[in-house]
Protein backbone atom coordinates (compact mmCIF):
# COMPACT_ATOMS: atom_id res chain seq x y z
CA MET A 1 -12.71 -26.04 3.72
CA ILE A 2 -15.97 -24.99 3.01
CA GLU A 3 -17.63 -27.75 4.60
CA ASN A 4 -15.59 -26.73 7.85
CA ILE A 5 -17.19 -23.15 7.35
CA ILE A 6 -21.00 -25.12 7.18
CA LYS A 7 -19.86 -27.34 10.38
CA LYS A 8 -19.16 -23.89 12.40
CA ASN A 9 -21.02 -21.49 11.27
CA GLN A 10 -24.58 -20.80 12.41
CA TYR A 11 -25.47 -19.48 9.16
CA LYS A 12 -24.85 -21.13 6.44
CA LEU A 13 -25.65 -17.78 3.39
CA PHE A 14 -22.30 -17.65 0.33
CA LEU A 15 -22.10 -14.78 -1.77
CA ILE A 16 -19.51 -16.09 -4.55
CA ALA A 17 -17.61 -13.29 -6.24
CA TYR A 18 -18.13 -14.76 -10.06
CA SER A 19 -16.17 -12.97 -12.73
CA GLY A 20 -17.24 -15.82 -15.28
CA GLY A 21 -13.36 -16.85 -15.42
CA MET A 22 -12.07 -20.51 -14.39
CA ASP A 23 -11.36 -19.92 -10.61
CA SER A 24 -14.73 -18.48 -9.85
CA THR A 25 -16.46 -20.96 -12.01
CA VAL A 26 -14.85 -23.95 -10.31
CA LEU A 27 -15.69 -22.13 -7.04
CA LEU A 28 -19.29 -21.82 -8.28
CA ASP A 29 -19.47 -25.58 -9.30
CA TYR A 30 -18.09 -26.95 -6.50
CA LEU A 31 -20.28 -25.17 -3.97
CA CYS A 32 -23.23 -26.11 -5.83
CA LYS A 33 -21.97 -29.77 -5.35
CA ILE A 34 -21.37 -29.40 -1.91
CA LYS A 35 -25.11 -27.71 -1.82
CA LYS A 36 -26.08 -31.06 -2.98
CA ASN A 37 -25.41 -32.71 0.50
CA HIS A 38 -25.60 -29.67 2.65
CA PRO A 39 -29.64 -28.40 1.53
CA GLN A 40 -29.73 -25.69 4.28
CA ILE A 41 -26.83 -23.94 2.45
CA SER A 42 -27.90 -20.68 0.39
CA ILE A 43 -25.41 -19.59 -2.38
CA ARG A 44 -26.06 -16.22 -4.18
CA ALA A 45 -23.52 -15.17 -6.67
CA ILE A 46 -22.37 -11.63 -7.64
CA HIS A 47 -20.55 -10.07 -11.23
CA ILE A 48 -19.04 -6.47 -10.72
CA ASN A 49 -18.99 -5.38 -14.87
CA HIS A 50 -15.93 -3.06 -14.58
CA ASN A 51 -16.87 -2.10 -17.72
CA ILE A 52 -13.08 -1.27 -19.22
CA GLN A 53 -13.17 -4.31 -21.91
CA ILE A 54 -15.47 -4.60 -24.61
CA ASP A 55 -16.01 -7.96 -24.17
CA SER A 56 -17.69 -6.84 -20.67
CA LYS A 57 -21.28 -7.19 -21.96
CA LYS A 58 -20.61 -10.56 -23.19
CA TRP A 59 -18.84 -11.61 -20.23
CA GLN A 60 -21.92 -10.20 -18.06
CA THR A 61 -24.64 -12.69 -20.15
CA HIS A 62 -22.29 -15.52 -19.72
CA CYS A 63 -22.20 -15.20 -15.92
CA VAL A 64 -26.61 -14.61 -16.08
CA SER A 65 -26.46 -17.41 -18.20
CA VAL A 66 -24.20 -19.86 -15.99
CA CYS A 67 -26.26 -18.79 -12.76
CA LYS A 68 -29.47 -19.63 -14.24
CA GLU A 69 -28.35 -23.13 -15.50
CA TYR A 70 -27.15 -24.01 -12.02
CA ASN A 71 -30.38 -21.95 -10.47
CA ILE A 72 -28.10 -19.38 -8.59
CA PRO A 73 -29.58 -15.82 -7.93
CA LEU A 74 -26.69 -13.17 -9.60
CA ILE A 75 -26.26 -9.76 -8.42
CA ILE A 76 -25.17 -7.66 -11.50
CA GLU A 77 -23.11 -4.54 -10.41
CA LYS A 78 -21.48 -1.97 -12.49
CA ILE A 79 -18.09 0.11 -11.90
CA ASP A 80 -18.97 3.19 -13.69
CA ILE A 81 -16.35 5.37 -12.20
CA ASN A 82 -13.53 7.20 -14.23
CA ILE A 83 -10.47 5.77 -12.93
CA THR A 84 -6.92 7.35 -14.53
CA LYS A 85 -3.73 6.06 -11.66
CA ASN A 86 -3.54 2.68 -10.06
CA ILE A 87 -6.28 0.92 -11.93
CA GLU A 88 -5.58 -2.15 -10.41
CA GLU A 89 -5.82 -1.28 -6.95
CA GLN A 90 -8.95 1.47 -7.53
CA LEU A 91 -10.86 -1.25 -9.24
CA ARG A 92 -10.13 -3.74 -6.08
CA ILE A 93 -11.88 -1.22 -3.98
CA GLU A 94 -14.74 -0.02 -5.91
CA ARG A 95 -15.23 -4.22 -6.64
CA TYR A 96 -14.93 -4.54 -2.33
CA ASN A 97 -17.41 -1.77 -1.93
CA LEU A 98 -19.67 -2.99 -4.60
CA ILE A 99 -19.99 -6.55 -2.56
CA TYR A 100 -20.30 -5.27 0.75
CA LYS A 101 -23.30 -2.85 -0.58
CA ASN A 102 -25.36 -5.94 -1.47
CA LEU A 103 -24.26 -7.82 1.59
CA LEU A 104 -26.99 -10.14 3.58
CA HIS A 105 -26.25 -10.46 7.52
CA LYS A 106 -23.83 -12.66 8.19
CA GLU A 107 -23.62 -14.02 4.49
CA ILE A 108 -19.88 -15.07 3.87
CA ILE A 109 -18.26 -13.92 1.06
CA LEU A 110 -16.19 -16.40 -1.50
CA THR A 111 -13.35 -16.16 -3.60
CA GLY A 112 -11.45 -18.01 -6.27
CA HIS A 113 -7.95 -16.94 -5.08
CA HIS A 114 -5.41 -19.45 -5.43
CA LEU A 115 -2.14 -20.59 -4.64
CA ASN A 116 -0.47 -19.26 -7.59
CA ASP A 117 -2.42 -15.81 -7.05
CA GLN A 118 -0.95 -16.07 -3.57
CA CYS A 119 2.93 -16.23 -4.52
CA GLU A 120 1.88 -13.05 -7.19
CA THR A 121 0.66 -10.95 -4.04
CA PHE A 122 3.64 -12.34 -2.13
CA PHE A 123 6.38 -11.03 -5.04
CA LEU A 124 4.15 -7.83 -5.43
CA SER A 125 4.83 -7.02 -1.45
CA LEU A 126 8.36 -7.96 -1.72
CA LYS A 127 9.07 -5.58 -4.85
CA ARG A 128 7.60 -2.88 -2.28
CA GLY A 129 9.62 -3.49 0.47
CA SER A 130 7.08 -4.34 2.79
CA GLY A 131 7.73 -6.12 6.21
CA PRO A 132 6.10 -9.53 7.88
CA THR A 133 2.74 -8.11 7.35
CA GLY A 134 2.42 -7.31 3.57
CA LEU A 135 4.60 -10.66 2.74
CA SER A 136 1.46 -12.88 4.54
CA ALA A 137 -0.07 -11.77 1.29
CA MET A 138 -3.58 -13.02 1.96
CA SER A 139 -5.27 -15.04 4.41
CA SER A 140 -7.46 -18.10 3.97
CA GLU A 141 -10.01 -15.44 6.38
CA THR A 142 -9.88 -12.36 6.11
CA ILE A 143 -12.13 -10.17 8.52
CA PHE A 144 -15.02 -7.85 6.10
CA GLY A 145 -17.27 -5.56 8.19
CA GLN A 146 -19.19 -7.92 10.47
CA THR A 147 -18.70 -11.17 8.21
CA LYS A 148 -15.46 -11.95 6.40
CA ILE A 149 -14.58 -13.26 2.96
CA VAL A 150 -13.33 -16.89 3.11
CA ARG A 151 -10.71 -18.37 0.11
CA PRO A 152 -10.91 -21.70 0.54
CA PHE A 153 -8.39 -22.49 -2.78
CA LEU A 154 -5.35 -20.59 -1.48
CA THR A 155 -3.72 -23.91 -0.63
CA LYS A 156 -4.23 -25.42 -4.45
CA THR A 157 -2.48 -24.62 -7.48
CA LYS A 158 -3.91 -22.98 -10.24
CA GLU A 159 -3.23 -26.24 -12.44
CA GLU A 160 -5.57 -28.28 -10.14
CA ILE A 161 -8.00 -26.35 -10.41
CA LYS A 162 -7.72 -26.69 -14.04
CA ASN A 163 -7.66 -29.82 -13.56
CA TRP A 164 -11.10 -29.58 -11.60
CA ALA A 165 -12.54 -27.72 -14.80
CA ASN A 166 -11.74 -30.07 -17.45
CA LEU A 167 -12.82 -32.82 -15.57
CA ASN A 168 -16.47 -31.37 -14.85
CA LYS A 169 -16.34 -30.03 -18.26
CA LEU A 170 -16.96 -26.45 -17.13
CA LYS A 171 -16.95 -23.30 -19.45
CA TRP A 172 -15.51 -20.23 -18.80
CA ILE A 173 -14.60 -16.55 -20.02
CA GLU A 174 -10.99 -15.77 -20.63
CA ASP A 175 -9.52 -12.06 -20.02
CA PHE A 176 -7.26 -11.66 -22.26
CA THR A 177 -6.13 -8.46 -20.44
CA ASN A 178 -4.67 -11.41 -17.75
CA PHE A 179 -1.73 -12.06 -20.96
CA ASN A 180 -0.66 -8.28 -20.41
CA THR A 181 2.61 -8.25 -18.85
CA HIS A 182 2.28 -4.65 -18.65
CA TYR A 183 0.58 -5.20 -15.36
CA GLU A 184 2.97 -6.08 -12.78
CA ARG A 185 0.59 -9.12 -11.23
CA ASN A 186 0.59 -10.88 -15.32
CA PHE A 187 4.32 -9.52 -15.50
CA ILE A 188 4.65 -12.12 -12.19
CA ARG A 189 2.46 -14.60 -13.48
CA HIS A 190 3.89 -15.14 -16.95
CA LYS A 191 7.91 -13.99 -16.64
CA ILE A 192 8.95 -15.14 -13.40
CA LEU A 193 6.73 -17.90 -11.60
CA PRO A 194 7.29 -20.24 -14.73
CA VAL A 195 10.99 -19.87 -14.03
CA LEU A 196 11.23 -20.70 -10.73
CA GLU A 197 8.80 -23.40 -10.66
CA LYS A 198 10.20 -24.96 -13.44
CA LYS A 199 13.67 -24.80 -11.25
CA TRP A 200 12.23 -25.65 -8.11
CA PRO A 201 9.08 -27.72 -8.57
CA PHE A 202 8.13 -27.05 -5.06
CA PHE A 203 8.96 -23.04 -4.89
CA LEU A 204 4.77 -22.27 -4.67
CA LYS A 205 4.62 -24.37 -1.63
CA ASN A 206 7.43 -22.83 -0.03
CA CYS A 207 6.58 -19.74 -1.01
CA PHE A 208 2.53 -20.16 0.75
CA ARG A 209 4.68 -21.63 3.43
CA THR A 210 6.53 -18.17 3.66
CA THR A 211 3.45 -16.60 3.54
CA HIS A 212 1.55 -18.48 6.59
CA ILE A 213 5.35 -18.32 9.00
CA CYS A 214 4.58 -14.57 8.04
CA ASN A 215 0.98 -14.67 9.06
CA GLU A 216 1.55 -16.68 12.34
CA GLU A 217 4.51 -13.88 12.96
CA THR A 218 2.19 -11.35 12.12
CA ILE A 219 -0.84 -12.39 14.71
CA LEU A 220 1.84 -12.74 17.38
CA LYS A 221 3.24 -9.69 17.32
CA ASN A 222 -0.28 -8.41 17.33
CA ILE A 223 -1.53 -10.02 20.24
CA LEU A 224 1.70 -9.06 22.44
CA LEU A 225 1.07 -5.12 21.01
CA LYS A 226 -2.32 -4.97 21.89
CA GLU A 227 -1.60 -5.89 25.42
CA LYS A 228 1.34 -3.52 25.23
CA ILE A 229 -0.10 -0.53 23.94
CA GLN A 230 -2.85 -0.40 26.81
CA GLN A 231 0.02 1.12 28.97
CA TYR A 232 0.72 4.42 26.21
CA LEU A 233 -3.09 5.18 25.22
CA ASN A 234 -5.17 7.89 26.63
CA PHE A 235 -8.17 8.43 27.39
CA ASN A 236 -8.87 9.66 23.61
CA GLU A 237 -6.90 7.04 21.74
CA CYS A 238 -3.99 9.59 21.85
CA LEU A 239 -0.82 7.68 22.42
CA ASN A 240 1.58 8.99 25.17
CA ILE A 241 5.27 8.91 23.88
CA SER A 242 6.31 10.55 27.14
CA SER A 243 8.48 7.46 28.03
CA PHE A 244 9.41 6.16 24.35
CA LYS A 245 13.10 7.77 24.52
CA HIS A 246 13.55 4.65 26.69
CA LEU A 247 12.70 2.22 24.82
CA LYS A 248 14.06 -0.06 22.06
CA GLU A 249 13.72 1.28 18.47
CA VAL A 250 11.88 -1.44 17.06
CA LEU A 251 9.37 -1.61 19.81
CA CYS A 252 9.09 2.51 19.69
CA LYS A 253 7.93 1.94 15.76
CA ALA A 254 5.86 -1.30 16.30
CA LEU A 255 3.48 0.31 18.91
CA ILE A 256 3.10 3.51 16.70
CA ARG A 257 2.76 1.55 13.55
CA TYR A 258 0.19 -0.92 15.53
CA TRP A 259 -1.40 2.32 17.15
CA ILE A 260 -2.25 3.32 13.60
CA CYS A 261 -3.67 1.07 12.59
CA LEU A 262 -6.05 1.10 14.79
CA LYS A 263 -7.83 3.58 13.32
CA ASN A 264 -8.97 1.03 10.36
CA VAL A 265 -6.62 3.25 7.91
CA LYS A 266 -4.47 1.94 5.15
CA LYS A 267 -1.37 0.44 7.03
CA PRO A 268 1.50 3.28 7.10
CA SER A 269 4.59 3.25 5.17
CA TYR A 270 7.97 1.79 6.87
CA ASN A 271 9.01 6.04 6.11
CA ASN A 272 6.18 7.54 7.84
CA ILE A 273 7.05 5.70 10.35
CA GLN A 274 10.73 6.23 10.40
CA ARG A 275 9.61 10.19 10.37
CA VAL A 276 7.37 9.99 13.33
CA TYR A 277 10.06 8.17 15.05
CA ASN A 278 13.41 10.46 14.08
CA GLU A 279 11.11 13.46 13.48
CA ILE A 280 9.23 13.65 17.18
CA ILE A 281 10.38 10.37 19.47
CA TYR A 282 14.37 11.31 18.91
CA SER A 283 13.60 14.94 18.48
CA ARG A 284 15.05 17.00 21.24
CA LYS A 285 12.82 19.80 20.59
CA ASP A 286 8.70 20.20 20.07
CA SER A 287 8.23 18.98 16.72
CA ASN A 288 5.57 20.00 14.44
CA LEU A 289 5.38 17.38 12.36
CA LYS A 290 2.77 16.47 10.28
CA VAL A 291 2.86 13.13 8.79
CA ILE A 292 -0.75 12.05 6.23
CA VAL A 293 -2.40 9.14 6.11
CA GLN A 294 -4.53 9.06 3.85
CA LYS A 295 -7.04 11.80 4.71
CA ASN A 296 -5.59 12.44 8.27
CA GLU A 297 -2.72 13.48 9.72
CA ILE A 298 -0.38 12.41 12.76
CA ARG A 299 0.18 14.96 14.96
CA CYS A 300 2.24 15.85 18.34
CA TYR A 301 1.04 18.06 21.25
CA LYS A 302 2.84 17.67 24.58
CA LYS A 303 4.29 13.98 24.17
CA PHE A 304 1.20 13.25 22.39
CA LEU A 305 0.56 11.50 19.30
CA TYR A 306 -2.99 12.57 18.20
CA PHE A 307 -4.51 10.73 14.87
CA VAL A 308 -6.26 13.78 13.58
CA THR A 309 -8.83 14.24 10.72
CA ILE A 310 -7.63 16.34 7.84
CA ARG A 311 -10.42 19.61 8.33
CA LYS A 312 -11.25 22.53 6.30
CA ASP A 313 -9.53 25.36 6.63
CA ILE A 314 -12.12 27.61 8.25
CA LYS A 315 -10.42 30.91 10.10
CA ASN A 316 -11.12 32.98 8.26
CA LEU A 317 -15.22 31.73 8.01
CA ILE A 318 -17.62 34.64 9.93
CA ILE A 319 -21.32 33.02 10.20
CA PHE A 320 -24.07 35.03 11.38
CA TRP A 321 -26.90 33.76 13.59
CA HIS A 322 -29.46 35.93 12.74
CA ASN A 323 -32.67 33.62 14.57
CA THR A 324 -31.19 32.05 17.46
CA GLU A 325 -34.62 30.24 17.99
CA ASN A 326 -33.12 27.98 15.38
CA THR A 327 -30.09 25.51 15.77
CA LEU A 328 -26.73 26.74 14.33
CA GLN A 329 -25.11 24.31 11.93
CA LEU A 330 -21.37 24.53 12.13
CA PRO A 331 -19.22 23.21 9.19
CA ASN A 332 -16.51 20.61 8.99
CA ASN A 333 -18.81 18.27 11.30
CA LEU A 334 -17.74 20.18 14.28
CA GLY A 335 -21.87 19.89 15.41
CA TYR A 336 -24.18 22.73 16.03
CA ILE A 337 -24.90 25.52 18.18
CA LYS A 338 -28.78 25.76 19.97
CA LYS A 339 -29.63 27.66 22.50
CA ASN A 340 -30.97 25.91 25.76
CA ASN A 341 -33.55 27.12 29.11
CA GLN A 342 -31.22 27.00 31.89
CA LYS A 343 -29.03 24.37 30.52
CA GLY A 344 -25.84 24.99 28.77
CA ILE A 345 -22.87 27.45 28.82
CA ASN A 346 -24.31 30.71 30.85
CA LEU A 347 -23.39 33.70 28.70
CA PRO A 348 -24.67 37.65 28.76
CA LYS A 349 -27.26 38.24 26.16
CA PRO A 350 -26.79 40.20 23.11
CA LYS A 351 -28.43 43.94 22.90
CA ASN A 352 -31.04 43.40 20.03
CA SER A 353 -28.81 46.06 18.11
CA GLU A 354 -25.61 43.67 18.31
CA LEU A 355 -25.05 40.85 15.71
CA ILE A 356 -24.55 37.17 16.93
CA ASN A 357 -21.89 35.69 14.43
CA ILE A 358 -19.03 32.44 15.16
CA ARG A 359 -16.02 33.00 14.41
CA PHE A 360 -13.02 30.59 14.17
CA GLN A 361 -9.56 32.75 14.95
CA TYR A 362 -8.62 35.55 17.47
CA ALA A 363 -5.28 36.91 18.02
CA GLY A 364 -4.48 38.99 20.81
CA LYS A 365 -4.51 39.23 25.15
CA ILE A 366 -8.34 38.82 26.60
CA LEU A 367 -8.96 38.79 30.70
CA ILE A 368 -10.97 35.31 30.95
CA MET A 369 -14.21 34.96 34.04
CA GLY A 370 -12.17 34.28 37.07
CA ARG A 371 -8.84 35.78 36.18
CA GLN A 372 -7.46 39.46 37.47
CA LYS A 373 -5.23 39.81 34.34
CA ARG A 374 -5.62 39.72 31.11
CA ARG A 375 -4.00 36.83 29.06
CA ASN A 376 -2.65 36.04 25.61
CA ILE A 377 -5.00 33.39 23.99
CA LYS A 378 -2.70 31.58 22.66
CA LYS A 379 -1.28 30.76 26.46
CA ILE A 380 -5.07 30.24 27.45
CA TRP A 381 -5.62 27.50 24.47
CA GLN A 382 -2.56 26.19 26.32
CA GLU A 383 -3.47 25.76 29.20
CA HIS A 384 -6.84 24.21 28.38
CA ASN A 385 -4.66 21.46 26.54
CA ILE A 386 -6.22 22.45 23.47
CA PRO A 387 -3.71 21.45 20.52
CA PRO A 388 -2.38 23.71 18.00
CA TRP A 389 -4.71 22.23 14.93
CA LEU A 390 -8.22 22.60 17.28
CA ARG A 391 -7.69 26.49 17.83
CA ASN A 392 -9.35 27.53 14.95
CA GLN A 393 -11.98 24.64 15.01
CA ILE A 394 -13.62 25.85 18.24
CA PRO A 395 -16.26 28.28 17.61
CA LEU A 396 -15.73 31.62 18.98
CA LEU A 397 -19.28 33.60 19.96
CA PHE A 398 -18.81 37.41 19.08
CA TYR A 399 -21.54 40.16 19.43
CA ASN A 400 -20.66 42.69 16.28
CA ASP A 401 -17.02 42.57 16.52
CA GLN A 402 -16.84 41.67 20.52
CA LEU A 403 -15.40 38.00 21.54
CA ILE A 404 -17.86 36.98 24.13
CA SER A 405 -16.86 33.02 24.39
CA ALA A 406 -14.86 30.10 23.08
CA LEU A 407 -17.48 27.91 23.47
CA GLY A 408 -16.73 24.89 26.10
CA VAL A 409 -13.30 26.73 27.00
CA PHE A 410 -13.79 30.40 28.14
CA VAL A 411 -16.05 33.22 28.96
CA ILE A 412 -14.84 36.59 28.72
CA ASN A 413 -15.25 38.68 32.08
CA ARG A 414 -17.51 41.39 31.06
CA THR A 415 -18.45 44.41 33.70
CA ILE A 416 -21.74 43.34 33.33
CA ASN A 417 -22.64 40.79 35.72
CA TYR A 418 -24.72 38.08 34.85
CA GLN A 419 -24.06 35.14 36.79
CA ASP A 420 -27.33 36.05 38.98
CA ASN A 421 -29.98 33.52 37.32
CA THR A 422 -32.66 36.16 38.38
CA LYS A 423 -31.26 38.33 36.15
CA PRO A 424 -33.23 38.73 32.11
CA ASN A 425 -29.67 39.67 30.83
CA GLN A 426 -28.42 35.83 30.35
CA TRP A 427 -28.79 33.33 27.88
CA TYR A 428 -27.74 29.52 27.89
CA LEU A 429 -25.89 27.99 24.78
CA SER A 430 -24.81 24.66 24.01
CA TRP A 431 -22.54 23.55 21.88
CA ILE A 432 -22.85 20.27 20.59
CA ASN A 433 -19.94 18.09 19.02
CA ASP A 434 -17.42 15.10 19.86
CA ILE A 435 -14.61 16.79 19.84
CA PRO A 436 -12.04 15.02 22.88
CA ILE A 437 -9.06 16.85 24.54
CA ASN A 438 -6.28 15.86 26.06
CA ASN A 439 -8.16 15.10 29.28
CA GLY A 440 -10.02 12.67 28.34
CA ASN A 441 -13.44 15.16 28.53
CA HIS A 442 -14.95 15.84 24.99
CA LEU A 443 -15.30 19.53 24.21
CA LEU A 444 -19.11 19.68 25.14
CA CYS A 445 -20.93 22.10 26.86
CA LYS A 446 -24.71 21.31 27.41
């Protein structure tokens, strides 16, 4: 497999995830042998010291010694975070973060995962009740940022890799925690798979075939969904669900799941997707449901699904802008406000005695420019298609306690005439931000 990668890739840079164990040691030895026939390739290795075993330092020293023997540059990284739950998952995430940090441009990551690892991952997904995507387990190639992770041994059994190691008289370190069946993967490795292999010698191969079929089905489904979802995506990538009641439930949920996955977050659970379908799509009332996906929420407004970053509640915050010559930075990554010259939103200029301040909450009736009657501010938000979760994120300009403008949305109608550009009692403000709204524009006033 590596030979094929060398042939089809212009860039032949490889970074081996090297633990010092048998699998990654065989991978290192295998690649170094290939390099003898392909001297143009470049090989580096990276060792992640997890700092959770008393022998961690010995393992690191062993890896340094082996790479020196092979004349391969070795990067050493240490994990120094305190992990109290989901240890295996958190270590895996931190491990890949450190690998990504050290990647060169177009460098391909190689790992020593093999067929037994694949079957263990399949069983873990089965235990979690995963669908075809989860049951696909690991792919031979996975996109990783601007590069990819390649697992050249994924069709090889652990026994085959061990035979290579013994044949080439390789030395590796043994992590004895791999025998601790308290960990789920180790339980499957030592208690489940040996029994199944003894009963059915071809079980591992057949398990791999199942993961391969699930992967093909997932790829095909995503190709079809990618085309189908274009009918429902709005300008700012929110999902138009107005016609979802007329779709088959299975298609409806598949579109929602695919839409969430477009946001580059961890795949949502089956229960979350079912909640969105039952409580939003199929509900007869306008739902205020919030479904949490990592640090985001799925929200519904006017038959559109939004994927919203959870922001800090700032509705009671007041920010005073004493020196308007300076840019005013806003909280929650809401951008900034600055004074412009003949550019931006045209506003009445404050008196010298008035304190300019920014707030994020207002209730009651207001009279805005271009209107004859006062209306409740909630109705004004609705007219401008501002979803409820954004209304307390839009900066409201006040002079003392007098509301002047919701920047980028409306201006209060005051008795003073400031629309004449020759008058000195006006100024221009710009709120620069990156907040999309339902009409495809941004709340951006320049």
